[in-house]
Amino acid sequence: MGSTHVMVKMRVLGAGNGSYEANFLVDTGATDSLAPASSLHKIGLKPVGKKKYELADGNKVEYEFGLVEITVMDEITAGRVIFGPENAEPILGVTALESAGISVDPASQTLRMLPAIPLK
């Protein structure tokens, strides 16, 4: 099975200054999104908390996180982003995808807009 990438823009909530744009790996196994800490600091994002996360190899690591505006496929949402290691590939987690009304077609590995976001 291949991987899916999408261009994502992150901005500090309520701030008009810079943004961080990158090609993010879409990871439906990840709850939160992740970006290199230096890129998030560069746009003025400040950590608001810490959480323990379980990595793909089973290790548990504590990371700081912040709250950002997320634009993906011309849809705007907001969510948590982890201040990741400098060599980390940016990851777009399932929470941001779902809140933007985007799903992943597992057969074609493509993203598609939902006709409506479920409220049930």
PDB file of N, CA and C in Angstrom:
ATOM      1  N   MET A   1       0.834  -1.170   0.000  1.00  0.00           N
ATOM      2  CA  MET A   1       0.000   0.000   0.000  1.00  0.00           C
ATOM      3  C   MET A   1       0.886   1.243   0.000  1.00  0.00           C
ATOM      4  N   GLY A   2       0.579   2.203  -0.846  1.00  0.00           N
ATOM      5  CA  GLY A   2       1.372   3.410  -0.948  1.00  0.00           C
ATOM      6  C   GLY A   2       1.006   4.422   0.110  1.00  0.00           C
ATOM      7  N   SER A   3       1.645   5.582   0.003  1.00  0.00           N
ATOM      8  CA  SER A   3       1.350   6.648   0.958  1.00  0.00           C
ATOM      9  C   SER A   3       0.722   7.825   0.227  1.00  0.00           C
ATOM     10  N   THR A   4      -0.049   8.605   0.973  1.00  0.00           N
ATOM     11  CA  THR A   4      -0.742   9.761   0.424  1.00  0.00           C
ATOM     12  C   THR A   4      -0.167  11.013   1.046  1.00  0.00           C
ATOM     13  N   HIS A   5       0.126  11.997   0.221  1.00  0.00           N
ATOM     14  CA  HIS A   5       0.633  13.291   0.682  1.00  0.00           C
ATOM     15  C   HIS A   5      -0.292  14.393   0.191  1.00  0.00           C
ATOM     16  N   VAL A   6      -0.336  15.489   0.950  1.00  0.00           N
ATOM     17  CA  VAL A   6      -1.165  16.632   0.580  1.00  0.00           C
ATOM     18  C   VAL A   6      -0.511  17.907   1.102  1.00  0.00           C
ATOM     19  N   MET A   7      -0.654  18.996   0.338  1.00  0.00           N
ATOM     20  CA  MET A   7      -0.140  20.290   0.790  1.00  0.00           C
ATOM     21  C   MET A   7      -1.025  20.813   1.915  1.00  0.00           C
ATOM     22  N   VAL A   8      -0.385  21.261   2.972  1.00  0.00           N
ATOM     23  CA  VAL A   8      -1.080  21.767   4.154  1.00  0.00           C
ATOM     24  C   VAL A   8      -0.444  23.096   4.544  1.00  0.00           C
ATOM     25  N   LYS A   9      -1.301  24.032   4.974  1.00  0.00           N
ATOM     26  CA  LYS A   9      -0.807  25.302   5.509  1.00  0.00           C
ATOM     27  C   LYS A   9      -1.269  25.407   6.949  1.00  0.00           C
ATOM     28  N   MET A  10      -0.337  25.752   7.836  1.00  0.00           N
ATOM     29  CA  MET A  10      -0.657  25.955   9.248  1.00  0.00           C
ATOM     30  C   MET A  10      -0.319  27.385   9.632  1.00  0.00           C
ATOM     31  N   ARG A  11      -1.250  27.994  10.404  1.00  0.00           N
ATOM     32  CA  ARG A  11      -1.047  29.353  10.913  1.00  0.00           C
ATOM     33  C   ARG A  11      -1.428  29.392  12.383  1.00  0.00           C
ATOM     34  N   VAL A  12      -0.806  30.329  13.098  1.00  0.00           N
ATOM     35  CA  VAL A  12      -1.175  30.546  14.490  1.00  0.00           C
ATOM     36  C   VAL A  12      -2.611  31.059  14.511  1.00  0.00           C
ATOM     37  N   LEU A  13      -3.438  30.506  15.376  1.00  0.00           N
ATOM     38  CA  LEU A  13      -4.839  30.930  15.478  1.00  0.00           C
ATOM     39  C   LEU A  13      -4.936  32.425  15.771  1.00  0.00           C
ATOM     40  N   GLY A  14      -5.733  33.136  14.975  1.00  0.00           N
ATOM     41  CA  GLY A  14      -5.977  34.552  15.199  1.00  0.00           C
ATOM     42  C   GLY A  14      -4.817  35.471  14.867  1.00  0.00           C
ATOM     43  N   ALA A  15      -3.752  34.944  14.305  1.00  0.00           N
ATOM     44  CA  ALA A  15      -2.577  35.767  13.993  1.00  0.00           C
ATOM     45  C   ALA A  15      -2.446  35.951  12.491  1.00  0.00           C
ATOM     46  N   GLY A  16      -2.057  37.135  12.091  1.00  0.00           N
ATOM     47  CA  GLY A  16      -1.911  37.414  10.673  1.00  0.00           C
ATOM     48  C   GLY A  16      -0.496  37.222  10.157  1.00  0.00           C
ATOM     49  N   ASN A  17       0.427  36.816  11.040  1.00  0.00           N
ATOM     50  CA  ASN A  17       1.822  36.692  10.587  1.00  0.00           C
ATOM     51  C   ASN A  17       2.016  35.462   9.710  1.00  0.00           C
ATOM     52  N   GLY A  18       3.159  34.901   9.704  1.00  0.00           N
ATOM     53  CA  GLY A  18       3.524  33.864   8.755  1.00  0.00           C
ATOM     54  C   GLY A  18       2.760  32.567   8.879  1.00  0.00           C
ATOM     55  N   SER A  19       3.050  31.698   7.934  1.00  0.00           N
ATOM     56  CA  SER A  19       2.443  30.368   7.929  1.00  0.00           C
ATOM     57  C   SER A  19       3.513  29.351   7.579  1.00  0.00           C
ATOM     58  N   TYR A  20       3.232  28.114   7.918  1.00  0.00           N
ATOM     59  CA  TYR A  20       4.106  26.993   7.581  1.00  0.00           C
ATOM     60  C   TYR A  20       3.370  26.154   6.555  1.00  0.00           C
ATOM     61  N   GLU A  21       3.978  25.975   5.387  1.00  0.00           N
ATOM     62  CA  GLU A  21       3.381  25.158   4.331  1.00  0.00           C
ATOM     63  C   GLU A  21       4.344  24.041   3.971  1.00  0.00           C
ATOM     64  N   ALA A  22       3.789  22.846   3.839  1.00  0.00           N
ATOM     65  CA  ALA A  22       4.613  21.692   3.486  1.00  0.00           C
ATOM     66  C   ALA A  22       3.729  20.590   2.924  1.00  0.00           C
ATOM     67  N   ASN A  23       4.381  19.622   2.316  1.00  0.00           N
ATOM     68  CA  ASN A  23       3.716  18.426   1.818  1.00  0.00           C
ATOM     69  C   ASN A  23       3.660  17.439   2.984  1.00  0.00           C
ATOM     70  N   PHE A  24       2.466  17.194   3.545  1.00  0.00           N
ATOM     71  CA  PHE A  24       2.296  16.355   4.716  1.00  0.00           C
ATOM     72  C   PHE A  24       1.922  14.932   4.313  1.00  0.00           C
ATOM     73  N   LEU A  25       2.435  13.964   5.039  1.00  0.00           N
ATOM     74  CA  LEU A  25       2.005  12.579   4.911  1.00  0.00           C
ATOM     75  C   LEU A  25       0.654  12.456   5.593  1.00  0.00           C
ATOM     76  N   VAL A  26      -0.325  11.909   4.899  1.00  0.00           N
ATOM     77  CA  VAL A  26      -1.646  11.669   5.483  1.00  0.00           C
ATOM     78  C   VAL A  26      -1.551  10.353   6.251  1.00  0.00           C
ATOM     79  N   ASP A  27      -1.804  10.420   7.565  1.00  0.00           N
ATOM     80  CA  ASP A  27      -1.668   9.237   8.407  1.00  0.00           C
ATOM     81  C   ASP A  27      -2.955   9.030   9.203  1.00  0.00           C
ATOM     82  N   THR A  28      -3.811   8.132   8.713  1.00  0.00           N
ATOM     83  CA  THR A  28      -5.082   7.879   9.383  1.00  0.00           C
ATOM     84  C   THR A  28      -4.893   7.094  10.681  1.00  0.00           C
ATOM     85  N   GLY A  29      -3.686   6.634  10.943  1.00  0.00           N
ATOM     86  CA  GLY A  29      -3.380   5.972  12.204  1.00  0.00           C
ATOM     87  C   GLY A  29      -2.927   6.946  13.273  1.00  0.00           C
ATOM     88  N   ALA A  30      -2.697   8.199  12.889  1.00  0.00           N
ATOM     89  CA  ALA A  30      -2.279   9.235  13.836  1.00  0.00           C
ATOM     90  C   ALA A  30      -3.471  10.120  14.173  1.00  0.00           C
ATOM     91  N   THR A  31      -3.674  10.373  15.434  1.00  0.00           N
ATOM     92  CA  THR A  31      -4.768  11.238  15.858  1.00  0.00           C
ATOM     93  C   THR A  31      -4.430  12.697  15.575  1.00  0.00           C
ATOM     94  N   ASP A  32      -3.266  13.149  16.036  1.00  0.00           N
ATOM     95  CA  ASP A  32      -2.850  14.545  15.887  1.00  0.00           C
ATOM     96  C   ASP A  32      -1.888  14.710  14.725  1.00  0.00           C
ATOM     97  N   SER A  33      -1.713  15.959  14.308  1.00  0.00           N
ATOM     98  CA  SER A  33      -0.747  16.286  13.254  1.00  0.00           C
ATOM     99  C   SER A  33       0.602  16.579  13.896  1.00  0.00           C
ATOM    100  N   LEU A  34       1.653  16.573  13.089  1.00  0.00           N
ATOM    101  CA  LEU A  34       3.007  16.787  13.582  1.00  0.00           C
ATOM    102  C   LEU A  34       3.803  17.567  12.550  1.00  0.00           C
ATOM    103  N   ALA A  35       4.656  18.478  13.024  1.00  0.00           N
ATOM    104  CA  ALA A  35       5.569  19.222  12.157  1.00  0.00           C
ATOM    105  C   ALA A  35       6.863  19.463  12.929  1.00  0.00           C
ATOM    106  N   PRO A  36       7.966  19.720  12.220  1.00  0.00           N
ATOM    107  CA  PRO A  36       9.221  20.012  12.918  1.00  0.00           C
ATOM    108  C   PRO A  36       9.064  21.229  13.834  1.00  0.00           C
ATOM    109  N   ALA A  37       9.558  21.104  15.058  1.00  0.00           N
ATOM    110  CA  ALA A  37       9.425  22.165  16.062  1.00  0.00           C
ATOM    111  C   ALA A  37       9.949  23.510  15.569  1.00  0.00           C
ATOM    112  N   SER A  38      11.082  23.521  14.886  1.00  0.00           N
ATOM    113  CA  SER A  38      11.662  24.797  14.441  1.00  0.00           C
ATOM    114  C   SER A  38      10.744  25.519  13.461  1.00  0.00           C
ATOM    115  N   SER A  39      10.040  24.769  12.625  1.00  0.00           N
ATOM    116  CA  SER A  39       9.112  25.382  11.667  1.00  0.00           C
ATOM    117  C   SER A  39       7.925  26.007  12.393  1.00  0.00           C
ATOM    118  N   LEU A  40       7.466  25.357  13.447  1.00  0.00           N
ATOM    119  CA  LEU A  40       6.344  25.889  14.219  1.00  0.00           C
ATOM    120  C   LEU A  40       6.770  27.112  15.030  1.00  0.00           C
ATOM    121  N   HIS A  41       7.966  27.052  15.616  1.00  0.00           N
ATOM    122  CA  HIS A  41       8.486  28.213  16.356  1.00  0.00           C
ATOM    123  C   HIS A  41       8.672  29.407  15.419  1.00  0.00           C
ATOM    124  N   LYS A  42       9.104  29.135  14.192  1.00  0.00           N
ATOM    125  CA  LYS A  42       9.365  30.190  13.204  1.00  0.00           C
ATOM    126  C   LYS A  42       8.117  31.014  12.899  1.00  0.00           C
ATOM    127  N   ILE A  43       6.925  30.407  12.962  1.00  0.00           N
ATOM    128  CA  ILE A  43       5.692  31.148  12.685  1.00  0.00           C
ATOM    129  C   ILE A  43       5.083  31.739  13.962  1.00  0.00           C
ATOM    130  N   GLY A  44       5.796  31.572  15.076  1.00  0.00           N
ATOM    131  CA  GLY A  44       5.350  32.169  16.329  1.00  0.00           C
ATOM    132  C   GLY A  44       4.425  31.307  17.166  1.00  0.00           C
ATOM    133  N   LEU A  45       4.321  30.022  16.838  1.00  0.00           N
ATOM    134  CA  LEU A  45       3.457  29.138  17.616  1.00  0.00           C
ATOM    135  C   LEU A  45       4.124  28.802  18.943  1.00  0.00           C
ATOM    136  N   LYS A  46       3.332  28.875  19.996  1.00  0.00           N
ATOM    137  CA  LYS A  46       3.827  28.546  21.330  1.00  0.00           C
ATOM    138  C   LYS A  46       3.133  27.269  21.812  1.00  0.00           C
ATOM    139  N   PRO A  47       3.887  26.404  22.479  1.00  0.00           N
ATOM    140  CA  PRO A  47       3.268  25.198  23.037  1.00  0.00           C
ATOM    141  C   PRO A  47       2.219  25.572  24.090  1.00  0.00           C
ATOM    142  N   VAL A  48       1.133  24.781  24.139  1.00  0.00           N
ATOM    143  CA  VAL A  48       0.105  24.995  25.153  1.00  0.00           C
ATOM    144  C   VAL A  48      -0.033  23.793  26.081  1.00  0.00           C
ATOM    145  N   GLY A  49       0.695  22.731  25.785  1.00  0.00           N
ATOM    146  CA  GLY A  49       0.634  21.548  26.637  1.00  0.00           C
ATOM    147  C   GLY A  49       1.573  20.474  26.165  1.00  0.00           C
ATOM    148  N   LYS A  50       1.546  19.356  26.894  1.00  0.00           N
ATOM    149  CA  LYS A  50       2.361  18.186  26.558  1.00  0.00           C
ATOM    150  C   LYS A  50       1.476  16.958  26.631  1.00  0.00           C
ATOM    151  N   LYS A  51       1.760  15.990  25.767  1.00  0.00           N
ATOM    152  CA  LYS A  51       1.048  14.719  25.753  1.00  0.00           C
ATOM    153  C   LYS A  51       2.044  13.605  25.478  1.00  0.00           C
ATOM    154  N   LYS A  52       1.719  12.409  25.957  1.00  0.00           N
ATOM    155  CA  LYS A  52       2.502  11.225  25.621  1.00  0.00           C
ATOM    156  C   LYS A  52       1.912  10.613  24.369  1.00  0.00           C
ATOM    157  N   TYR A  53       2.766  10.284  23.417  1.00  0.00           N
ATOM    158  CA  TYR A  53       2.341   9.684  22.149  1.00  0.00           C
ATOM    159  C   TYR A  53       3.060   8.360  21.964  1.00  0.00           C
ATOM    160  N   GLU A  54       2.361   7.410  21.368  1.00  0.00           N
ATOM    161  CA  GLU A  54       2.977   6.134  21.051  1.00  0.00           C
ATOM    162  C   GLU A  54       3.410   6.149  19.593  1.00  0.00           C
ATOM    163  N   LEU A  55       4.683   5.900  19.353  1.00  0.00           N
ATOM    164  CA  LEU A  55       5.243   5.898  18.003  1.00  0.00           C
ATOM    165  C   LEU A  55       4.950   4.571  17.312  1.00  0.00           C
ATOM    166  N   ALA A  56       5.200   4.526  16.007  1.00  0.00           N
ATOM    167  CA  ALA A  56       4.945   3.314  15.217  1.00  0.00           C
ATOM    168  C   ALA A  56       5.734   2.121  15.732  1.00  0.00           C
ATOM    169  N   ASP A  57       6.905   2.363  16.321  1.00  0.00           N
ATOM    170  CA  ASP A  57       7.726   1.260  16.831  1.00  0.00           C
ATOM    171  C   ASP A  57       7.331   0.830  18.247  1.00  0.00           C
ATOM    172  N   GLY A  58       6.285   1.459  18.807  1.00  0.00           N
ATOM    173  CA  GLY A  58       5.815   1.091  20.139  1.00  0.00           C
ATOM    174  C   GLY A  58       6.371   1.945  21.263  1.00  0.00           C
ATOM    175  N   ASN A  59       7.430   2.708  20.992  1.00  0.00           N
ATOM    176  CA  ASN A  59       7.987   3.586  22.027  1.00  0.00           C
ATOM    177  C   ASN A  59       7.003   4.695  22.360  1.00  0.00           C
ATOM    178  N   LYS A  60       7.012   5.101  23.625  1.00  0.00           N
ATOM    179  CA  LYS A  60       6.172   6.214  24.064  1.00  0.00           C
ATOM    180  C   LYS A  60       7.064   7.418  24.335  1.00  0.00           C
ATOM    181  N   VAL A  61       6.680   8.572  23.761  1.00  0.00           N
ATOM    182  CA  VAL A  61       7.475   9.794  23.857  1.00  0.00           C
ATOM    183  C   VAL A  61       6.547  10.943  24.219  1.00  0.00           C
ATOM    184  N   GLU A  62       7.021  11.847  25.072  1.00  0.00           N
ATOM    185  CA  GLU A  62       6.228  13.024  25.408  1.00  0.00           C
ATOM    186  C   GLU A  62       6.649  14.179  24.501  1.00  0.00           C
ATOM    187  N   TYR A  63       5.663  14.825  23.861  1.00  0.00           N
ATOM    188  CA  TYR A  63       5.907  15.961  22.981  1.00  0.00           C
ATOM    189  C   TYR A  63       5.039  17.133  23.400  1.00  0.00           C
ATOM    190  N   GLU A  64       5.535  18.331  23.168  1.00  0.00           N
ATOM    191  CA  GLU A  64       4.730  19.532  23.326  1.00  0.00           C
ATOM    192  C   GLU A  64       3.794  19.637  22.126  1.00  0.00           C
ATOM    193  N   PHE A  65       2.653  20.317  22.313  1.00  0.00           N
ATOM    194  CA  PHE A  65       1.745  20.562  21.204  1.00  0.00           C
ATOM    195  C   PHE A  65       1.218  21.990  21.285  1.00  0.00           C
ATOM    196  N   GLY A  66       0.773  22.479  20.132  1.00  0.00           N
ATOM    197  CA  GLY A  66       0.152  23.792  20.039  1.00  0.00           C
ATOM    198  C   GLY A  66      -1.141  23.674  19.250  1.00  0.00           C
ATOM    199  N   LEU A  67      -1.874  24.783  19.173  1.00  0.00           N
ATOM    200  CA  LEU A  67      -3.139  24.819  18.444  1.00  0.00           C
ATOM    201  C   LEU A  67      -2.999  25.746  17.251  1.00  0.00           C
ATOM    202  N   VAL A  68      -3.390  25.257  16.071  1.00  0.00           N
ATOM    203  CA  VAL A  68      -3.194  26.003  14.825  1.00  0.00           C
ATOM    204  C   VAL A  68      -4.433  25.978  13.949  1.00  0.00           C
ATOM    205  N   GLU A  69      -4.476  26.937  13.030  1.00  0.00           N
ATOM    206  CA  GLU A  69      -5.431  26.897  11.923  1.00  0.00           C
ATOM    207  C   GLU A  69      -4.795  26.023  10.851  1.00  0.00           C
ATOM    208  N   ILE A  70      -5.570  25.100  10.295  1.00  0.00           N
ATOM    209  CA  ILE A  70      -5.064  24.156   9.293  1.00  0.00           C
ATOM    210  C   ILE A  70      -5.880  24.310   8.016  1.00  0.00           C
ATOM    211  N   THR A  71      -5.187  24.556   6.907  1.00  0.00           N
ATOM    212  CA  THR A  71      -5.850  24.608   5.609  1.00  0.00           C
ATOM    213  C   THR A  71      -5.363  23.431   4.771  1.00  0.00           C
ATOM    214  N   VAL A  72      -6.331  22.623   4.315  1.00  0.00           N
ATOM    215  CA  VAL A  72      -6.024  21.462   3.482  1.00  0.00           C
ATOM    216  C   VAL A  72      -7.119  21.350   2.427  1.00  0.00           C
ATOM    217  N   MET A  73      -6.741  21.237   1.173  1.00  0.00           N
ATOM    218  CA  MET A  73      -7.686  21.130   0.049  1.00  0.00           C
ATOM    219  C   MET A  73      -8.714  22.271   0.098  1.00  0.00           C
ATOM    220  N   ASP A  74      -8.238  23.484   0.377  1.00  0.00           N
ATOM    221  CA  ASP A  74      -9.065  24.691   0.446  1.00  0.00           C
ATOM    222  C   ASP A  74     -10.100  24.665   1.566  1.00  0.00           C
ATOM    223  N   GLU A  75      -9.983  23.742   2.493  1.00  0.00           N
ATOM    224  CA  GLU A  75     -10.854  23.682   3.666  1.00  0.00           C
ATOM    225  C   GLU A  75     -10.058  24.145   4.884  1.00  0.00           C
ATOM    226  N   ILE A  76     -10.706  24.930   5.734  1.00  0.00           N
ATOM    227  CA  ILE A  76     -10.046  25.446   6.932  1.00  0.00           C
ATOM    228  C   ILE A  76     -10.637  24.771   8.161  1.00  0.00           C
ATOM    229  N   THR A  77      -9.757  24.323   9.031  1.00  0.00           N
ATOM    230  CA  THR A  77     -10.147  23.769  10.316  1.00  0.00           C
ATOM    231  C   THR A  77      -9.098  24.211  11.333  1.00  0.00           C
ATOM    232  N   ALA A  78      -9.195  23.731  12.526  1.00  0.00           N
ATOM    233  CA  ALA A  78      -8.201  24.032  13.557  1.00  0.00           C
ATOM    234  C   ALA A  78      -7.931  22.762  14.335  1.00  0.00           C
ATOM    235  N   GLY A  79      -6.751  22.683  14.909  1.00  0.00           N
ATOM    236  CA  GLY A  79      -6.439  21.477  15.658  1.00  0.00           C
ATOM    237  C   GLY A  79      -5.097  21.519  16.324  1.00  0.00           C
ATOM    238  N   ARG A  80      -4.765  20.384  16.911  1.00  0.00           N
ATOM    239  CA  ARG A  80      -3.526  20.215  17.653  1.00  0.00           C
ATOM    240  C   ARG A  80      -2.409  19.823  16.697  1.00  0.00           C
ATOM    241  N   VAL A  81      -1.244  20.414  16.903  1.00  0.00           N
ATOM    242  CA  VAL A  81      -0.056  20.019  16.142  1.00  0.00           C
ATOM    243  C   VAL A  81       1.082  19.779  17.132  1.00  0.00           C
ATOM    244  N   ILE A  82       1.763  18.679  16.933  1.00  0.00           N
ATOM    245  CA  ILE A  82       2.875  18.272  17.793  1.00  0.00           C
ATOM    246  C   ILE A  82       4.152  18.954  17.325  1.00  0.00           C
ATOM    247  N   PHE A  83       4.934  19.460  18.289  1.00  0.00           N
ATOM    248  CA  PHE A  83       6.266  20.006  18.013  1.00  0.00           C
ATOM    249  C   PHE A  83       7.199  18.808  17.877  1.00  0.00           C
ATOM    250  N   GLY A  84       7.399  18.343  16.646  1.00  0.00           N
ATOM    251  CA  GLY A  84       8.156  17.131  16.392  1.00  0.00           C
ATOM    252  C   GLY A  84       9.649  17.359  16.243  1.00  0.00           C
ATOM    253  N   PRO A  85      10.389  16.263  16.117  1.00  0.00           N
ATOM    254  CA  PRO A  85      11.837  16.348  15.888  1.00  0.00           C
ATOM    255  C   PRO A  85      12.135  17.030  14.548  1.00  0.00           C
ATOM    256  N   GLU A  86      13.326  17.556  14.425  1.00  0.00           N
ATOM    257  CA  GLU A  86      13.702  18.302  13.215  1.00  0.00           C
ATOM    258  C   GLU A  86      13.726  17.436  11.962  1.00  0.00           C
ATOM    259  N   ASN A  87      14.013  16.165  12.095  1.00  0.00           N
ATOM    260  CA  ASN A  87      14.090  15.290  10.918  1.00  0.00           C
ATOM    261  C   ASN A  87      12.761  14.605  10.614  1.00  0.00           C
ATOM    262  N   ALA A  88      11.715  14.960  11.352  1.00  0.00           N
ATOM    263  CA  ALA A  88      10.422  14.290  11.177  1.00  0.00           C
ATOM    264  C   ALA A  88       9.712  14.761   9.914  1.00  0.00           C
ATOM    265  N   GLU A  89       9.099  13.811   9.226  1.00  0.00           N
ATOM    266  CA  GLU A  89       8.243  14.154   8.094  1.00  0.00           C
ATOM    267  C   GLU A  89       6.948  14.729   8.661  1.00  0.00           C
ATOM    268  N   PRO A  90       6.460  15.862   8.115  1.00  0.00           N
ATOM    269  CA  PRO A  90       5.191  16.402   8.599  1.00  0.00           C
ATOM    270  C   PRO A  90       4.064  15.392   8.389  1.00  0.00           C
ATOM    271  N   ILE A  91       3.207  15.262   9.405  1.00  0.00           N
ATOM    272  CA  ILE A  91       2.104  14.300   9.378  1.00  0.00           C
ATOM    273  C   ILE A  91       0.787  15.045   9.566  1.00  0.00           C
ATOM    274  N   LEU A  92      -0.189  14.703   8.746  1.00  0.00           N
ATOM    275  CA  LEU A  92      -1.544  15.207   8.918  1.00  0.00           C
ATOM    276  C   LEU A  92      -2.369  14.084   9.528  1.00  0.00           C
ATOM    277  N   GLY A  93      -2.837  14.291  10.766  1.00  0.00           N
ATOM    278  CA  GLY A  93      -3.581  13.270  11.482  1.00  0.00           C
ATOM    279  C   GLY A  93      -5.052  13.233  11.113  1.00  0.00           C
ATOM    280  N   VAL A  94      -5.713  12.178  11.559  1.00  0.00           N
ATOM    281  CA  VAL A  94      -7.101  11.925  11.192  1.00  0.00           C
ATOM    282  C   VAL A  94      -8.066  12.958  11.778  1.00  0.00           C
ATOM    283  N   THR A  95      -7.763  13.536  12.924  1.00  0.00           N
ATOM    284  CA  THR A  95      -8.665  14.523  13.519  1.00  0.00           C
ATOM    285  C   THR A  95      -8.821  15.729  12.604  1.00  0.00           C
ATOM    286  N   ALA A  96      -7.719  16.227  12.063  1.00  0.00           N
ATOM    287  CA  ALA A  96      -7.782  17.376  11.147  1.00  0.00           C
ATOM    288  C   ALA A  96      -8.520  17.007   9.866  1.00  0.00           C
ATOM    289  N   LEU A  97      -8.253  15.821   9.347  1.00  0.00           N
ATOM    290  CA  LEU A  97      -8.941  15.369   8.131  1.00  0.00           C
ATOM    291  C   LEU A  97     -10.451  15.323   8.336  1.00  0.00           C
ATOM    292  N   GLU A  98     -10.868  14.661   9.396  1.00  0.00           N
ATOM    293  CA  GLU A  98     -12.301  14.498   9.639  1.00  0.00           C
ATOM    294  C   GLU A  98     -12.992  15.830   9.897  1.00  0.00           C
ATOM    295  N   SER A  99     -12.348  16.715  10.651  1.00  0.00           N
ATOM    296  CA  SER A  99     -12.997  17.997  10.940  1.00  0.00           C
ATOM    297  C   SER A  99     -13.072  18.888   9.707  1.00  0.00           C
ATOM    298  N   ALA A 100     -12.215  18.638   8.715  1.00  0.00           N
ATOM    299  CA  ALA A 100     -12.277  19.389   7.455  1.00  0.00           C
ATOM    300  C   ALA A 100     -13.244  18.737   6.466  1.00  0.00           C
ATOM    301  N   GLY A 101     -13.765  17.555   6.810  1.00  0.00           N
ATOM    302  CA  GLY A 101     -14.698  16.869   5.917  1.00  0.00           C
ATOM    303  C   GLY A 101     -14.008  16.137   4.787  1.00  0.00           C
ATOM    304  N   ILE A 102     -12.827  15.602   5.072  1.00  0.00           N
ATOM    305  CA  ILE A 102     -12.032  14.904   4.057  1.00  0.00           C
ATOM    306  C   ILE A 102     -11.854  13.455   4.486  1.00  0.00           C
ATOM    307  N   SER A 103     -11.993  12.536   3.531  1.00  0.00           N
ATOM    308  CA  SER A 103     -11.754  11.126   3.814  1.00  0.00           C
ATOM    309  C   SER A 103     -10.692  10.593   2.861  1.00  0.00           C
ATOM    310  N   VAL A 104     -10.121   9.457   3.238  1.00  0.00           N
ATOM    311  CA  VAL A 104      -9.116   8.789   2.411  1.00  0.00           C
ATOM    312  C   VAL A 104      -9.761   7.557   1.793  1.00  0.00           C
ATOM    313  N   ASP A 105      -9.695   7.468   0.473  1.00  0.00           N
ATOM    314  CA  ASP A 105     -10.165   6.275  -0.224  1.00  0.00           C
ATOM    315  C   ASP A 105      -9.053   5.237  -0.138  1.00  0.00           C
ATOM    316  N   PRO A 106      -9.252   4.154   0.616  1.00  0.00           N
ATOM    317  CA  PRO A 106      -8.170   3.187   0.815  1.00  0.00           C
ATOM    318  C   PRO A 106      -7.744   2.464  -0.460  1.00  0.00           C
ATOM    319  N   ALA A 107      -8.651   2.298  -1.388  1.00  0.00           N
ATOM    320  CA  ALA A 107      -8.314   1.583  -2.623  1.00  0.00           C
ATOM    321  C   ALA A 107      -7.390   2.402  -3.519  1.00  0.00           C
ATOM    322  N   SER A 108      -7.721   3.681  -3.688  1.00  0.00           N
ATOM    323  CA  SER A 108      -6.937   4.521  -4.606  1.00  0.00           C
ATOM    324  C   SER A 108      -5.910   5.394  -3.889  1.00  0.00           C
ATOM    325  N   GLN A 109      -5.925   5.400  -2.543  1.00  0.00           N
ATOM    326  CA  GLN A 109      -5.016   6.229  -1.757  1.00  0.00           C
ATOM    327  C   GLN A 109      -5.182   7.714  -2.087  1.00  0.00           C
ATOM    328  N   THR A 110      -6.395   8.124  -2.396  1.00  0.00           N
ATOM    329  CA  THR A 110      -6.660   9.533  -2.713  1.00  0.00           C
ATOM    330  C   THR A 110      -7.573  10.138  -1.658  1.00  0.00           C
ATOM    331  N   LEU A 111      -7.519  11.456  -1.566  1.00  0.00           N
ATOM    332  CA  LEU A 111      -8.364  12.189  -0.638  1.00  0.00           C
ATOM    333  C   LEU A 111      -9.604  12.664  -1.367  1.00  0.00           C
ATOM    334  N   ARG A 112     -10.733  12.660  -0.667  1.00  0.00           N
ATOM    335  CA  ARG A 112     -11.953  13.169  -1.281  1.00  0.00           C
ATOM    336  C   ARG A 112     -12.773  13.890  -0.229  1.00  0.00           C
ATOM    337  N   MET A 113     -13.501  14.890  -0.694  1.00  0.00           N
ATOM    338  CA  MET A 113     -14.371  15.656   0.185  1.00  0.00           C
ATOM    339  C   MET A 113     -15.628  14.834   0.460  1.00  0.00           C
ATOM    340  N   LEU A 114     -16.050  14.837   1.689  1.00  0.00           N
ATOM    341  CA  LEU A 114     -17.316  14.198   2.035  1.00  0.00           C
ATOM    342  C   LEU A 114     -18.453  15.100   1.555  1.00  0.00           C
ATOM    343  N   PRO A 115     -19.590  14.524   1.140  1.00  0.00           N
ATOM    344  CA  PRO A 115     -20.708  15.366   0.701  1.00  0.00           C
ATOM    345  C   PRO A 115     -21.250  16.212   1.864  1.00  0.00           C
ATOM    346  N   ALA A 116     -21.122  15.720   3.083  1.00  0.00           N
ATOM    347  CA  ALA A 116     -21.534  16.452   4.281  1.00  0.00           C
ATOM    348  C   ALA A 116     -20.772  15.871   5.462  1.00  0.00           C
ATOM    349  N   ILE A 117     -20.515  16.707   6.463  1.00  0.00           N
ATOM    350  CA  ILE A 117     -19.831  16.236   7.666  1.00  0.00           C
ATOM    351  C   ILE A 117     -20.894  15.674   8.609  1.00  0.00           C
ATOM    352  N   PRO A 118     -20.724  14.426   9.042  1.00  0.00           N
ATOM    353  CA  PRO A 118     -21.738  13.828   9.917  1.00  0.00           C
ATOM    354  C   PRO A 118     -21.816  14.538  11.270  1.00  0.00           C
ATOM    355  N   LEU A 119     -23.042  14.787  11.724  1.00  0.00           N
ATOM    356  CA  LEU A 119     -23.272  15.340  13.054  1.00  0.00           C
ATOM    357  C   LEU A 119     -24.070  14.356  13.913  1.00  0.00           C
ATOM    358  N   LYS A 120     -24.136  13.118  13.472  1.00  0.00           N
ATOM    359  CA  LYS A 120     -24.914  12.125  14.221  1.00  0.00           C
ATOM    360  C   LYS A 120     -24.038  11.223  15.038  1.00  0.00           C
TER     361      LYS A 120
END
